[in-house]
């Protein structure tokens, strides 16, 4: 479902290498043609790449025998909405950057302005003064936005898979870009404290499926929760290359197979295989 781009390609390669027949479809789940395609193709499992909430709202319409291993639309949107995710993290006592309710509270710029929804860094801005911030706030609309302290440092993401009693999380550090947008260079790392915070969030709402959780690491080494992305992350290729084959493991869970997290051999230090910088580093 909606499997264009590098993330969709990574899912395709992962499953195809395991001998699984894969059908990529750019058709949304609310399109009758998509449902007919599922029935005609004999598909058994549907793994959404980008918009699981669309599929979640149509679970009752799937052909008999077709499994979509995702949670409810309500839980997906709870995590996906930047404002409700921050509220959830605050309720759990996770470390957060300072939040501002008005420009009068702000003494230092830049700050981070983040719309409640957005993919790949869209809706995230770094206003350098009060005038720029007020302009953004005036365009936030009904969905709202967050204004938070800017912490100098780097971003890390936890890719997690949770299903019933199974949980596994793996971490990568974003090296490029430095501020916003889809990462173009990443490195897998070991960060058990970030994995533990991610699990607290997903356990708390009993979430089933894949989810990426982003953190900001300050120059002093302190981690701050940023947001949740209940879908495959842009770092999927790095995680697969590091031994955490998230699409294949998700497919195994969807087909009723048991998994043991101890059997996953995650190897830190792997760079994003799609980056041109990797080839230069490997010489």
Protein backbone atom coordinates (compact mmCIF):
# COMPACT_ATOMS: atom_id res chain seq x y z
CA UNK A 1 0.00 0.00 0.00
CA UNK A 2 1.40 3.40 -1.07
CA UNK A 3 4.82 1.86 -1.36
CA UNK A 4 6.68 4.32 -3.57
CA UNK A 5 10.11 5.64 -2.66
CA UNK A 6 13.09 4.24 -0.78
CA UNK A 7 11.07 2.98 2.18
CA UNK A 8 8.73 1.01 -0.07
CA UNK A 9 11.72 -0.34 -1.97
CA UNK A 10 13.32 -1.46 1.30
CA UNK A 11 10.13 -3.30 2.32
CA UNK A 12 9.92 -4.93 -1.10
CA UNK A 13 13.55 -6.10 -1.06
CA UNK A 14 13.26 -7.39 2.49
CA UNK A 15 10.28 -9.63 1.78
CA UNK A 16 11.35 -10.70 -1.70
CA UNK A 17 14.70 -11.92 -0.34
CA UNK A 18 12.75 -14.24 1.96
CA UNK A 19 10.84 -15.74 -0.96
CA UNK A 20 7.60 -13.88 -0.23
CA UNK A 21 5.55 -12.74 -3.21
CA UNK A 22 5.09 -8.98 -2.93
CA UNK A 23 2.53 -6.77 -4.62
CA UNK A 24 3.17 -3.03 -4.38
CA UNK A 25 0.14 -0.82 -4.77
CA UNK A 26 -0.09 2.99 -4.72
CA UNK A 27 -3.86 2.78 -4.29
CA UNK A 28 -5.34 3.95 -0.99
CA UNK A 29 -7.38 1.56 1.09
CA UNK A 30 -10.57 3.60 0.69
CA UNK A 31 -10.46 2.95 -3.06
CA UNK A 32 -12.66 0.05 -4.18
CA UNK A 33 -10.04 -0.82 -6.78
CA UNK A 34 -7.52 -1.53 -4.01
CA UNK A 35 -9.90 -3.94 -2.30
CA UNK A 36 -10.62 -5.70 -5.60
CA UNK A 37 -6.89 -5.98 -6.23
CA UNK A 38 -6.42 -7.68 -2.88
CA UNK A 39 -9.13 -10.19 -3.63
CA UNK A 40 -7.97 -10.95 -7.18
CA UNK A 41 -4.30 -11.29 -6.23
CA UNK A 42 -4.90 -13.73 -3.39
CA UNK A 43 -2.95 -11.54 -0.98
CA UNK A 44 -2.72 -12.80 2.59
CA UNK A 45 -1.09 -9.88 4.43
CA UNK A 46 -1.23 -6.12 3.89
CA UNK A 47 1.63 -4.05 5.33
CA UNK A 48 1.03 -0.30 5.03
CA UNK A 49 4.15 1.76 4.35
CA UNK A 50 3.07 5.36 4.93
CA UNK A 51 -0.57 5.80 5.96
CA UNK A 52 -1.68 3.02 8.33
CA UNK A 53 -4.57 5.15 9.60
CA UNK A 54 -6.22 4.92 6.16
CA UNK A 55 -6.05 1.15 6.18
CA UNK A 56 -7.09 0.99 9.84
CA UNK A 57 -10.35 2.75 9.01
CA UNK A 58 -11.16 0.08 6.39
CA UNK A 59 -10.24 -3.12 8.24
CA UNK A 60 -13.84 -4.35 8.18
CA UNK A 61 -13.86 -4.05 4.38
CA UNK A 62 -10.86 -6.28 3.70
CA UNK A 63 -11.57 -9.51 1.79
CA UNK A 64 -11.89 -12.69 3.90
CA UNK A 65 -8.53 -14.15 4.83
CA UNK A 66 -6.57 -10.90 4.35
CA UNK A 67 -4.68 -9.81 7.48
CA UNK A 68 -3.59 -6.24 8.19
CA UNK A 69 -1.43 -6.34 11.37
CA UNK A 70 -2.11 -2.81 12.55
CA UNK A 71 -3.79 -1.18 15.50
CA UNK A 72 -6.89 1.02 15.59
CA UNK A 73 -7.04 4.36 13.82
CA UNK A 74 -7.49 6.03 17.22
CA UNK A 75 -4.19 4.69 18.59
CA UNK A 76 -2.34 5.42 15.36
CA UNK A 77 -3.53 9.02 15.36
CA UNK A 78 -2.80 9.41 19.08
CA UNK A 79 0.86 8.65 18.35
CA UNK A 80 1.01 10.42 15.00
CA UNK A 81 -0.35 13.74 16.25
CA UNK A 82 2.62 15.72 17.57
CA UNK A 83 0.58 17.45 20.26
CA UNK A 84 -1.08 14.33 21.68
CA UNK A 85 2.23 12.42 21.53
CA UNK A 86 3.95 15.12 23.59
CA UNK A 87 1.08 14.99 26.09
CA UNK A 88 1.47 11.22 26.31
CA UNK A 89 5.23 11.50 26.87
CA UNK A 90 4.65 14.15 29.54
CA UNK A 91 2.14 11.88 31.29
CA UNK A 92 4.80 9.17 31.41
CA UNK A 93 7.42 11.56 32.75
CA UNK A 94 9.72 11.33 29.73
CA UNK A 95 12.26 14.16 29.32
CA UNK A 96 10.93 16.98 27.14
CA UNK A 97 12.34 20.21 25.82
CA UNK A 98 10.71 23.31 27.31
CA UNK A 99 7.33 24.07 25.76
CA UNK A 100 6.09 27.63 25.21
CA UNK A 101 2.49 28.75 25.11
CA UNK A 102 3.22 32.30 23.94
CA UNK A 103 6.10 34.33 22.46
CA UNK A 104 6.31 36.33 25.70
CA UNK A 105 7.86 33.31 27.42
CA UNK A 106 10.74 33.02 24.98
CA UNK A 107 14.10 34.59 25.78
CA UNK A 108 16.32 32.86 23.23
CA UNK A 109 15.96 32.03 19.54
CA UNK A 110 15.82 29.96 17.42
CA UNK A 111 12.97 27.85 18.72
CA UNK A 112 11.21 24.88 17.16
CA UNK A 113 7.75 25.33 15.62
CA UNK A 114 6.06 22.05 14.80
CA UNK A 115 2.64 21.55 13.26
CA UNK A 116 0.53 18.76 14.73
CA UNK A 117 0.93 16.59 11.62
CA UNK A 118 3.65 16.16 9.03
CA UNK A 119 5.84 13.57 7.29
CA UNK A 120 9.57 13.70 6.60
CA UNK A 121 10.16 16.94 8.45
CA UNK A 122 7.32 18.83 6.77
CA UNK A 123 5.61 21.25 9.14
CA UNK A 124 8.77 21.79 11.21
CA UNK A 125 10.39 25.25 11.28
CA UNK A 126 13.11 27.03 13.23
CA UNK A 127 12.06 30.69 13.53
CA UNK A 128 15.00 32.92 14.43
CA UNK A 129 13.02 35.79 15.93
CA UNK A 130 9.64 36.70 17.37
CA UNK A 131 8.28 38.11 14.11
CA UNK A 132 8.92 34.86 12.24
CA UNK A 133 7.38 32.83 15.07
CA UNK A 134 4.24 34.96 15.24
CA UNK A 135 3.78 34.59 11.49
CA UNK A 136 3.93 30.81 11.81
CA UNK A 137 1.57 30.79 14.77
CA UNK A 138 -0.95 32.81 12.77
CA UNK A 139 -0.99 30.10 10.10
CA UNK A 140 -1.23 27.09 12.42
CA UNK A 141 -4.99 26.70 11.90
CA UNK A 142 -7.36 24.55 13.93
CA UNK A 143 -5.01 21.58 14.14
CA UNK A 144 -2.61 23.59 16.27
CA UNK A 145 1.13 23.48 16.69
CA UNK A 146 3.89 23.12 19.26
CA UNK A 147 6.51 25.72 20.10
CA UNK A 148 9.47 24.33 21.98
CA UNK A 149 13.00 25.07 23.02
CA UNK A 150 15.73 24.43 20.46
CA UNK A 151 18.42 22.12 21.83
CA UNK A 152 21.71 21.95 19.97
CA UNK A 153 22.71 18.35 19.33
CA UNK A 154 21.68 15.49 17.06
CA UNK A 155 18.67 13.27 16.40
CA UNK A 156 18.24 9.57 17.08
CA UNK A 157 15.33 7.34 16.12
CA UNK A 158 14.12 4.07 17.59
CA UNK A 159 12.45 1.72 15.13
CA UNK A 160 10.20 -0.55 17.16
CA UNK A 161 7.98 -3.55 16.50
CA UNK A 162 5.44 -4.55 19.15
CA UNK A 163 2.89 -7.33 18.91
CA UNK A 164 1.29 -9.01 21.93
CA UNK A 165 4.24 -10.19 24.06
CA UNK A 166 6.87 -9.45 21.42
CA UNK A 167 8.86 -6.22 21.41
CA UNK A 168 12.08 -5.19 19.75
CA UNK A 169 13.62 -1.77 19.18
CA UNK A 170 16.74 -0.71 17.30
CA UNK A 171 18.32 2.75 17.16
CA UNK A 172 20.00 4.81 14.48
CA UNK A 173 21.59 8.22 14.66
CA UNK A 174 20.79 10.77 11.97
CA UNK A 175 23.99 12.28 10.61
CA UNK A 176 22.51 14.24 7.69
CA UNK A 177 20.53 16.48 7.62
CA UNK A 178 21.41 18.40 10.78
CA UNK A 179 17.98 19.96 11.38
CA UNK A 180 15.00 18.73 9.41
CA UNK A 181 13.84 16.52 6.57
CA UNK A 182 14.29 12.85 5.71
CA UNK A 183 17.71 11.60 6.75
CA UNK A 184 20.23 10.96 3.98
CA UNK A 185 22.97 9.44 6.14
CA UNK A 186 22.43 7.34 9.25
CA UNK A 187 24.39 5.05 11.52
CA UNK A 188 22.95 2.26 13.65
CA UNK A 189 23.91 2.55 17.32
CA UNK A 190 23.28 0.89 20.68
CA UNK A 191 21.15 3.07 23.00
CA UNK A 192 19.15 0.91 25.44
CA UNK A 193 17.80 3.92 27.34
CA UNK A 194 16.05 5.18 24.19
CA UNK A 195 14.64 1.74 23.48
CA UNK A 196 13.34 1.56 27.06
CA UNK A 197 11.55 4.92 26.74
CA UNK A 198 10.04 3.82 23.44
CA UNK A 199 8.73 0.64 24.98
CA UNK A 200 7.16 2.59 27.86
CA UNK A 201 5.12 4.60 25.37
CA UNK A 202 3.97 1.63 23.30
CA UNK A 203 3.26 -0.56 26.32
CA UNK A 204 1.28 2.23 27.97
CA UNK A 205 -1.31 2.35 25.18
CA UNK A 206 -0.88 -1.35 24.27
CA UNK A 207 0.09 -0.44 20.71
CA UNK A 208 0.41 -3.18 18.07
CA UNK A 209 2.47 -2.60 14.94
CA UNK A 210 5.58 -0.73 13.86
CA UNK A 211 6.51 2.69 15.20
CA UNK A 212 9.44 5.05 14.96
CA UNK A 213 10.12 7.26 17.99
CA UNK A 214 12.42 10.27 17.60
CA UNK A 215 14.68 11.77 20.26
CA UNK A 216 16.97 14.79 20.38
CA UNK A 217 20.33 14.24 22.08
CA UNK A 218 21.78 17.43 23.54
CA UNK A 219 25.48 18.25 23.62
CA UNK A 220 25.48 17.21 27.28
CA UNK A 221 24.24 13.73 26.28
CA UNK A 222 20.72 14.17 27.65
CA UNK A 223 17.92 12.69 25.55
CA UNK A 224 14.64 14.53 24.87
CA UNK A 225 11.51 12.97 23.41
CA UNK A 226 10.48 14.54 20.10
CA UNK A 227 7.67 12.61 18.41
CA UNK A 228 6.21 9.27 17.33
CA UNK A 229 5.73 8.04 13.78
CA UNK A 230 3.51 4.91 13.72
CA UNK A 231 4.88 3.58 10.42
CA UNK A 232 8.13 2.44 8.85
CA UNK A 233 10.77 5.13 9.32
CA UNK A 234 13.09 6.67 6.75
CA UNK A 235 15.92 4.71 8.38
CA UNK A 236 14.43 1.32 7.55
CA UNK A 237 17.23 0.35 5.14
CA UNK A 238 19.83 1.01 7.83
CA UNK A 239 17.99 -1.15 10.36
CA UNK A 240 17.57 -4.04 7.92
CA UNK A 241 21.25 -3.84 7.05
CA UNK A 242 22.03 -3.93 10.79
CA UNK A 243 20.09 -7.14 11.37
CA UNK A 244 16.67 -5.85 12.43
CA UNK A 245 14.59 -6.93 9.42
CA UNK A 246 11.43 -5.16 10.51
CA UNK A 247 9.19 -5.91 7.47
CA UNK A 248 9.96 -9.64 7.53
CA UNK A 249 9.50 -9.90 11.29
CA UNK A 250 6.18 -8.00 11.05
CA UNK A 251 5.06 -10.38 8.30
CA UNK A 252 5.97 -13.38 10.47
CA UNK A 253 3.90 -12.01 13.37
CA UNK A 254 0.99 -11.31 11.02
CA UNK A 255 1.04 -14.91 9.82
CA UNK A 256 0.92 -16.30 13.34
CA UNK A 257 4.56 -17.30 13.69
CA UNK A 258 6.31 -16.94 17.03
CA UNK A 259 9.34 -14.68 17.44
CA UNK A 260 12.11 -14.52 19.99
CA UNK A 261 13.79 -11.13 20.33
CA UNK A 262 16.96 -12.88 21.48
CA UNK A 263 17.34 -14.39 18.01
CA UNK A 264 17.72 -10.95 16.39
CA UNK A 265 21.39 -10.20 15.75
CA UNK A 266 21.57 -6.42 15.64
CA UNK A 267 24.96 -5.02 14.60
CA UNK A 268 25.72 -1.39 15.40
CA UNK A 269 27.87 0.73 13.13
CA UNK A 270 26.09 0.09 9.85
CA UNK A 271 25.58 3.14 7.65
CA UNK A 272 22.66 3.82 5.34
CA UNK A 273 23.33 1.72 2.25
CA UNK A 274 21.52 4.24 0.01
CA UNK A 275 23.82 7.14 0.83
CA UNK A 276 26.53 8.17 -1.66
CA UNK A 277 28.68 9.00 1.37
CA UNK A 278 28.71 5.33 2.32
CA UNK A 279 30.67 4.32 -0.75
CA UNK A 280 33.29 6.94 0.03
CA UNK A 281 33.52 5.79 3.63
CA UNK A 282 33.90 2.18 2.54
CA UNK A 283 36.93 2.77 0.32
